[in-house]
Each structure stands twice: as C-alpha cells, then as structure tokens.
C-alpha atoms as a PDB file:
ATOM      1  CA  MET A   1    -346.184  18.520 -56.514  1.00  0.00           C
ATOM      2  CA  ASN A   2    -348.666  21.276 -57.368  1.00  0.00           C
ATOM      3  CA  ALA A   3    -351.445  21.661 -54.788  1.00  0.00           C
ATOM      4  CA  ASN A   4    -353.601  23.782 -57.134  1.00  0.00           C
ATOM      5  CA  THR A   5    -356.858  22.273 -58.292  1.00  0.00           C
ATOM      6  CA  ASP A   6    -358.505  22.813 -61.649  1.00  0.00           C
ATOM      7  CA  GLU A   7    -360.816  25.314 -59.942  1.00  0.00           C
ATOM      8  CA  ASP A   8    -357.798  27.446 -59.025  1.00  0.00           C
ATOM      9  CA  GLU A   9    -356.919  27.658 -62.723  1.00  0.00           C
ATOM     10  CA  ARG A  10    -360.387  28.723 -63.836  1.00  0.00           C
ATOM     11  CA  PRO A  11    -361.267  32.411 -64.322  1.00  0.00           C
ATOM     12  CA  PHE A  12    -363.240  34.199 -61.617  1.00  0.00           C
ATOM     13  CA  TRP A  13    -366.499  34.262 -63.602  1.00  0.00           C
ATOM     14  CA  GLU A  14    -366.515  30.474 -63.612  1.00  0.00           C
ATOM     15  CA  THR A  15    -365.759  30.055 -59.911  1.00  0.00           C
ATOM     16  CA  THR A  16    -367.393  33.053 -58.227  1.00  0.00           C
ATOM     17  CA  ARG A  17    -371.120  33.541 -57.833  1.00  0.00           C
ATOM     18  CA  LEU A  18    -372.419  36.907 -59.026  1.00  0.00           C
ATOM     19  CA  GLU A  19    -373.370  37.738 -55.436  1.00  0.00           C
ATOM     20  CA  ASP A  20    -369.807  37.109 -54.265  1.00  0.00           C
ATOM     21  CA  MET A  21    -367.948  39.114 -56.901  1.00  0.00           C
ATOM     22  CA  THR A  22    -365.957  42.196 -56.025  1.00  0.00           C
ATOM     23  CA  GLN A  23    -367.075  45.479 -57.556  1.00  0.00           C
ATOM     24  CA  GLY A  24    -364.193  45.263 -60.020  1.00  0.00           C
ATOM     25  CA  GLN A  25    -365.115  41.743 -61.078  1.00  0.00           C
ATOM     26  CA  TRP A  26    -368.782  42.740 -61.457  1.00  0.00           C
ATOM     27  CA  GLU A  27    -367.940  45.774 -63.581  1.00  0.00           C
ATOM     28  CA  SER A  28    -365.569  43.766 -65.798  1.00  0.00           C
ATOM     29  CA  LEU A  29    -368.468  41.528 -66.847  1.00  0.00           C
ATOM     30  CA  CYS A  30    -369.940  44.327 -68.961  1.00  0.00           C
ATOM     31  CA  ASP A  31    -368.913  43.579 -72.546  1.00  0.00           C
ATOM     32  CA  GLY A  32    -369.576  47.119 -73.771  1.00  0.00           C
ATOM     33  CA  CYS A  33    -372.263  46.191 -76.300  1.00  0.00           C
ATOM     34  CA  GLY A  34    -374.438  49.172 -75.310  1.00  0.00           C
ATOM     35  CA  LYS A  35    -377.709  47.267 -75.804  1.00  0.00           C
ATOM     36  CA  CYS A  36    -378.898  47.965 -72.273  1.00  0.00           C
ATOM     37  CA  CYS A  37    -378.699  51.702 -73.068  1.00  0.00           C
ATOM     38  CA  LEU A  38    -381.255  51.422 -75.865  1.00  0.00           C
ATOM     39  CA  TYR A  39    -384.815  52.478 -75.233  1.00  0.00           C
ATOM     40  CA  LYS A  40    -387.249  49.615 -75.148  1.00  0.00           C
ATOM     41  CA  LEU A  41    -390.988  49.477 -75.608  1.00  0.00           C
ATOM     42  CA  GLU A  42    -393.302  47.087 -73.783  1.00  0.00           C
ATOM     43  CA  ASP A  43    -396.668  46.059 -75.174  1.00  0.00           C
ATOM     44  CA  ILE A  44    -399.122  46.549 -72.320  1.00  0.00           C
ATOM     45  CA  ASP A  45    -401.376  43.740 -73.538  1.00  0.00           C
ATOM     46  CA  THR A  46    -398.782  41.054 -74.346  1.00  0.00           C
ATOM     47  CA  GLY A  47    -395.769  42.111 -72.266  1.00  0.00           C
ATOM     48  CA  GLU A  48    -393.602  41.795 -75.390  1.00  0.00           C
ATOM     49  CA  ILE A  49    -390.397  43.833 -75.213  1.00  0.00           C
ATOM     50  CA  VAL A  50    -389.265  45.610 -78.382  1.00  0.00           C
ATOM     51  CA  PHE A  51    -385.877  47.291 -78.674  1.00  0.00           C
ATOM     52  CA  THR A  52    -385.503  50.596 -80.488  1.00  0.00           C
ATOM     53  CA  ASN A  53    -382.418  52.060 -82.144  1.00  0.00           C
ATOM     54  CA  VAL A  54    -382.599  55.067 -79.795  1.00  0.00           C
ATOM     55  CA  ALA A  55    -379.885  55.238 -77.148  1.00  0.00           C
ATOM     56  CA  CYS A  56    -379.610  57.204 -73.940  1.00  0.00           C
ATOM     57  CA  ARG A  57    -378.030  60.603 -74.469  1.00  0.00           C
ATOM     58  CA  LEU A  58    -375.094  59.596 -72.239  1.00  0.00           C
ATOM     59  CA  LEU A  59    -374.054  56.689 -74.453  1.00  0.00           C
ATOM     60  CA  ASP A  60    -370.771  57.190 -76.287  1.00  0.00           C
ATOM     61  CA  HIS A  61    -371.674  55.793 -79.709  1.00  0.00           C
ATOM     62  CA  GLU A  62    -368.098  54.838 -80.558  1.00  0.00           C
ATOM     63  CA  SER A  63    -367.142  52.936 -77.389  1.00  0.00           C
ATOM     64  CA  CYS A  64    -370.728  51.920 -76.500  1.00  0.00           C
ATOM     65  CA  ARG A  65    -369.977  52.922 -72.913  1.00  0.00           C
ATOM     66  CA  CYS A  66    -371.681  55.481 -70.698  1.00  0.00           C
ATOM     67  CA  GLY A  67    -370.189  58.940 -71.061  1.00  0.00           C
ATOM     68  CA  ASP A  68    -370.868  59.749 -67.384  1.00  0.00           C
ATOM     69  CA  TYR A  69    -371.006  56.348 -65.720  1.00  0.00           C
ATOM     70  CA  ALA A  70    -370.335  57.591 -62.176  1.00  0.00           C
ATOM     71  CA  ASN A  71    -373.219  60.078 -62.310  1.00  0.00           C
ATOM     72  CA  ARG A  72    -375.574  58.258 -64.689  1.00  0.00           C
ATOM     73  CA  SER A  73    -378.392  57.751 -62.185  1.00  0.00           C
ATOM     74  CA  THR A  74    -378.332  61.416 -61.211  1.00  0.00           C
ATOM     75  CA  VAL A  75    -378.144  62.738 -64.771  1.00  0.00           C
ATOM     76  CA  VAL A  76    -380.665  60.184 -66.089  1.00  0.00           C
ATOM     77  CA  PRO A  77    -383.011  59.325 -63.196  1.00  0.00           C
ATOM     78  CA  ASP A  78    -384.571  56.426 -65.169  1.00  0.00           C
ATOM     79  CA  CYS A  79    -381.177  54.743 -65.605  1.00  0.00           C
ATOM     80  CA  LEU A  80    -381.340  51.335 -64.007  1.00  0.00           C
ATOM     81  CA  THR A  81    -378.394  50.135 -61.968  1.00  0.00           C
ATOM     82  CA  LEU A  82    -377.929  46.446 -62.596  1.00  0.00           C
ATOM     83  CA  ASP A  83    -377.295  44.370 -59.489  1.00  0.00           C
ATOM     84  CA  THR A  84    -377.511  40.798 -58.271  1.00  0.00           C
ATOM     85  CA  GLU A  85    -381.093  41.291 -57.100  1.00  0.00           C
ATOM     86  CA  ASN A  86    -382.539  42.515 -60.406  1.00  0.00           C
ATOM     87  CA  VAL A  87    -380.344  40.738 -62.980  1.00  0.00           C
ATOM     88  CA  GLY A  88    -382.660  37.730 -63.149  1.00  0.00           C
ATOM     89  CA  LYS A  89    -385.838  39.799 -63.274  1.00  0.00           C
ATOM     90  CA  LEU A  90    -385.038  42.029 -66.240  1.00  0.00           C
ATOM     91  CA  ARG A  91    -386.640  40.315 -69.215  1.00  0.00           C
ATOM     92  CA  TRP A  92    -385.153  42.849 -71.620  1.00  0.00           C
ATOM     93  CA  MET A  93    -381.537  42.000 -70.877  1.00  0.00           C
ATOM     94  CA  PRO A  94    -379.883  40.971 -74.154  1.00  0.00           C
ATOM     95  CA  SER A  95    -379.421  37.237 -74.622  1.00  0.00           C
ATOM     96  CA  THR A  96    -375.674  37.809 -75.061  1.00  0.00           C
ATOM     97  CA  CYS A  97    -375.275  39.837 -71.840  1.00  0.00           C
ATOM     98  CA  ALA A  98    -372.637  38.348 -69.520  1.00  0.00           C
ATOM     99  CA  TYR A  99    -374.701  39.136 -66.430  1.00  0.00           C
ATOM    100  CA  ARG A 100    -377.681  37.285 -67.862  1.00  0.00           C
ATOM    101  CA  LEU A 101    -375.584  34.386 -69.153  1.00  0.00           C
ATOM    102  CA  LEU A 102    -373.863  33.835 -65.816  1.00  0.00           C
ATOM    103  CA  HIS A 103    -377.134  34.188 -63.916  1.00  0.00           C
ATOM    104  CA  GLU A 104    -378.560  31.455 -66.164  1.00  0.00           C
ATOM    105  CA  GLY A 105    -375.501  29.244 -65.597  1.00  0.00           C
ATOM    106  CA  LYS A 106    -374.213  29.671 -69.160  1.00  0.00           C
ATOM    107  CA  PRO A 107    -370.645  30.453 -70.307  1.00  0.00           C
ATOM    108  CA  LEU A 108    -369.475  33.803 -71.644  1.00  0.00           C
ATOM    109  CA  GLU A 109    -369.433  34.228 -75.400  1.00  0.00           C
ATOM    110  CA  PRO A 110    -366.039  33.708 -77.118  1.00  0.00           C
ATOM    111  CA  TRP A 111    -365.946  37.349 -78.220  1.00  0.00           C
ATOM    112  CA  HIS A 112    -366.420  38.668 -74.652  1.00  0.00           C
ATOM    113  CA  PRO A 113    -363.467  40.928 -73.748  1.00  0.00           C
ATOM    114  CA  LEU A 114    -362.667  38.799 -70.693  1.00  0.00           C
ATOM    115  CA  ILE A 115    -362.212  35.810 -73.007  1.00  0.00           C
ATOM    116  CA  SER A 116    -360.635  37.570 -76.007  1.00  0.00           C
ATOM    117  CA  GLY A 117    -358.484  39.957 -73.987  1.00  0.00           C
ATOM    118  CA  ASN A 118    -359.542  42.816 -76.257  1.00  0.00           C
ATOM    119  CA  PRO A 119    -362.265  45.384 -75.419  1.00  0.00           C
ATOM    120  CA  ASP A 120    -362.989  45.850 -79.131  1.00  0.00           C
ATOM    121  CA  SER A 121    -363.866  42.189 -79.723  1.00  0.00           C
ATOM    122  CA  VAL A 122    -367.538  42.889 -78.984  1.00  0.00           C
ATOM    123  CA  HIS A 123    -367.534  45.395 -81.863  1.00  0.00           C
ATOM    124  CA  TRP A 124    -365.559  43.152 -84.232  1.00  0.00           C
ATOM    125  CA  ALA A 125    -368.043  40.347 -83.575  1.00  0.00           C
ATOM    126  CA  GLY A 126    -370.878  42.681 -84.614  1.00  0.00           C
ATOM    127  CA  VAL A 127    -372.603  42.306 -81.261  1.00  0.00           C
ATOM    128  CA  SER A 128    -372.457  45.929 -80.139  1.00  0.00           C
ATOM    129  CA  ILE A 129    -374.728  48.735 -81.261  1.00  0.00           C
ATOM    130  CA  ARG A 130    -371.800  50.760 -82.604  1.00  0.00           C
ATOM    131  CA  GLY A 131    -372.970  52.470 -85.784  1.00  0.00           C
ATOM    132  CA  ARG A 132    -376.519  51.137 -85.376  1.00  0.00           C
ATOM    133  CA  CYS A 133    -378.153  53.611 -83.012  1.00  0.00           C
ATOM    134  CA  ILE A 134    -379.041  57.253 -82.658  1.00  0.00           C
ATOM    135  CA  SER A 135    -379.118  59.473 -79.597  1.00  0.00           C
ATOM    136  CA  GLU A 136    -382.410  60.265 -77.932  1.00  0.00           C
ATOM    137  CA  ASP A 137    -381.703  63.889 -78.898  1.00  0.00           C
ATOM    138  CA  GLU A 138    -381.899  62.893 -82.603  1.00  0.00           C
ATOM    139  CA  ALA A 139    -385.046  60.740 -82.384  1.00  0.00           C
ATOM    140  CA  ASP A 140    -388.528  61.927 -83.112  1.00  0.00           C
ATOM    141  CA  GLU A 141    -391.019  61.806 -80.242  1.00  0.00           C
ATOM    142  CA  ASP A 142    -392.720  58.580 -81.339  1.00  0.00           C
ATOM    143  CA  LEU A 143    -390.363  55.779 -80.289  1.00  0.00           C
ATOM    144  CA  GLU A 144    -392.501  53.282 -82.184  1.00  0.00           C
ATOM    145  CA  ASN A 145    -390.991  54.751 -85.368  1.00  0.00           C
ATOM    146  CA  HIS A 146    -387.628  53.468 -84.133  1.00  0.00           C
ATOM    147  CA  ALA A 147    -388.687  49.916 -83.194  1.00  0.00           C
ATOM    148  CA  LEU A 148    -386.369  47.111 -84.270  1.00  0.00           C
ATOM    149  CA  ASP A 149    -387.287  43.648 -85.465  1.00  0.00           C
ATOM    150  CA  GLY A 150    -385.792  41.367 -82.848  1.00  0.00           C
ATOM    151  CA  GLU A 151    -382.859  41.946 -80.568  1.00  0.00           C
ATOM    152  CA  PRO A 152    -380.204  44.342 -81.868  1.00  0.00           C
END
C-alpha cells in the first residue's frame, strides 16, 4: 500500500508557500518573460502604471533574462529585488507573473516553463518581450514616447 498522499504528488509551487520556498524553488518561478525589466511610468495624479517598450540595459533581449543577474543591484542601483515581502505590494507586476499568481492563490499558466518543461515556452506562447523591446541605450530621453497601450 502506498502511504503517499495526493499532496506528495503535487509540485512544490502548489504545496509550498512562497515564504517557505528554497532559493532554488523561488528562482525557478521566474518564467523569463522579461516584463519586470521594462521601464514603467506612473501617473502622479491617478497612480496608473504604464509599461514602456524600453528595457534595462542588462536585459538579454533574446533570452529575456538578466545579463548580470548576480550583480544586477550593484550595476543598476534602481533594480528591485523581488521577495516575499514586496511581491504583493508591487502593482506593476505583470498579471501573468508566477510570483504574483501564486501570491494571489492562482495557478501557474500552462505555458510556464515549470509546467511545460521547456524554458522557451514563454516565448512560443507570445508572453515574453522577446523582439518587442529596445534597450535603454537606444531609447530617446522622453520615456513617454515609448509608452505601451496595456500590459506587454
């Protein structure tokens, strides 16, 4: 007789609270969409968040991953490190972000690499910013010229 319960069969992201995940589990939640690396604008009067198509200079535009992840906060002092304390407070987190979804008690998307088993599934599903952004080094100084309609 098998003593395992259904919970033992479920993947870690369904059984482990964000606060209780190992560093490896936490890092594996990132789907590699790159949306968090886009510059965003906030309307001071309304609080509305608008994404731009301008990405941090460290973003690798092909993989949609940070080109210097270990040193990102040193190289780019404004880079925000996502953690269990701020994940629920960041209104600009993409609606498809695994951290946001799990924080809200929702399941991962079917194209998420942890579900599909393929790190490129986020790109194949058209969810990443691959081919849809420019580096901050290429953008003109007025980010409003790069504002997007809706979430990328």
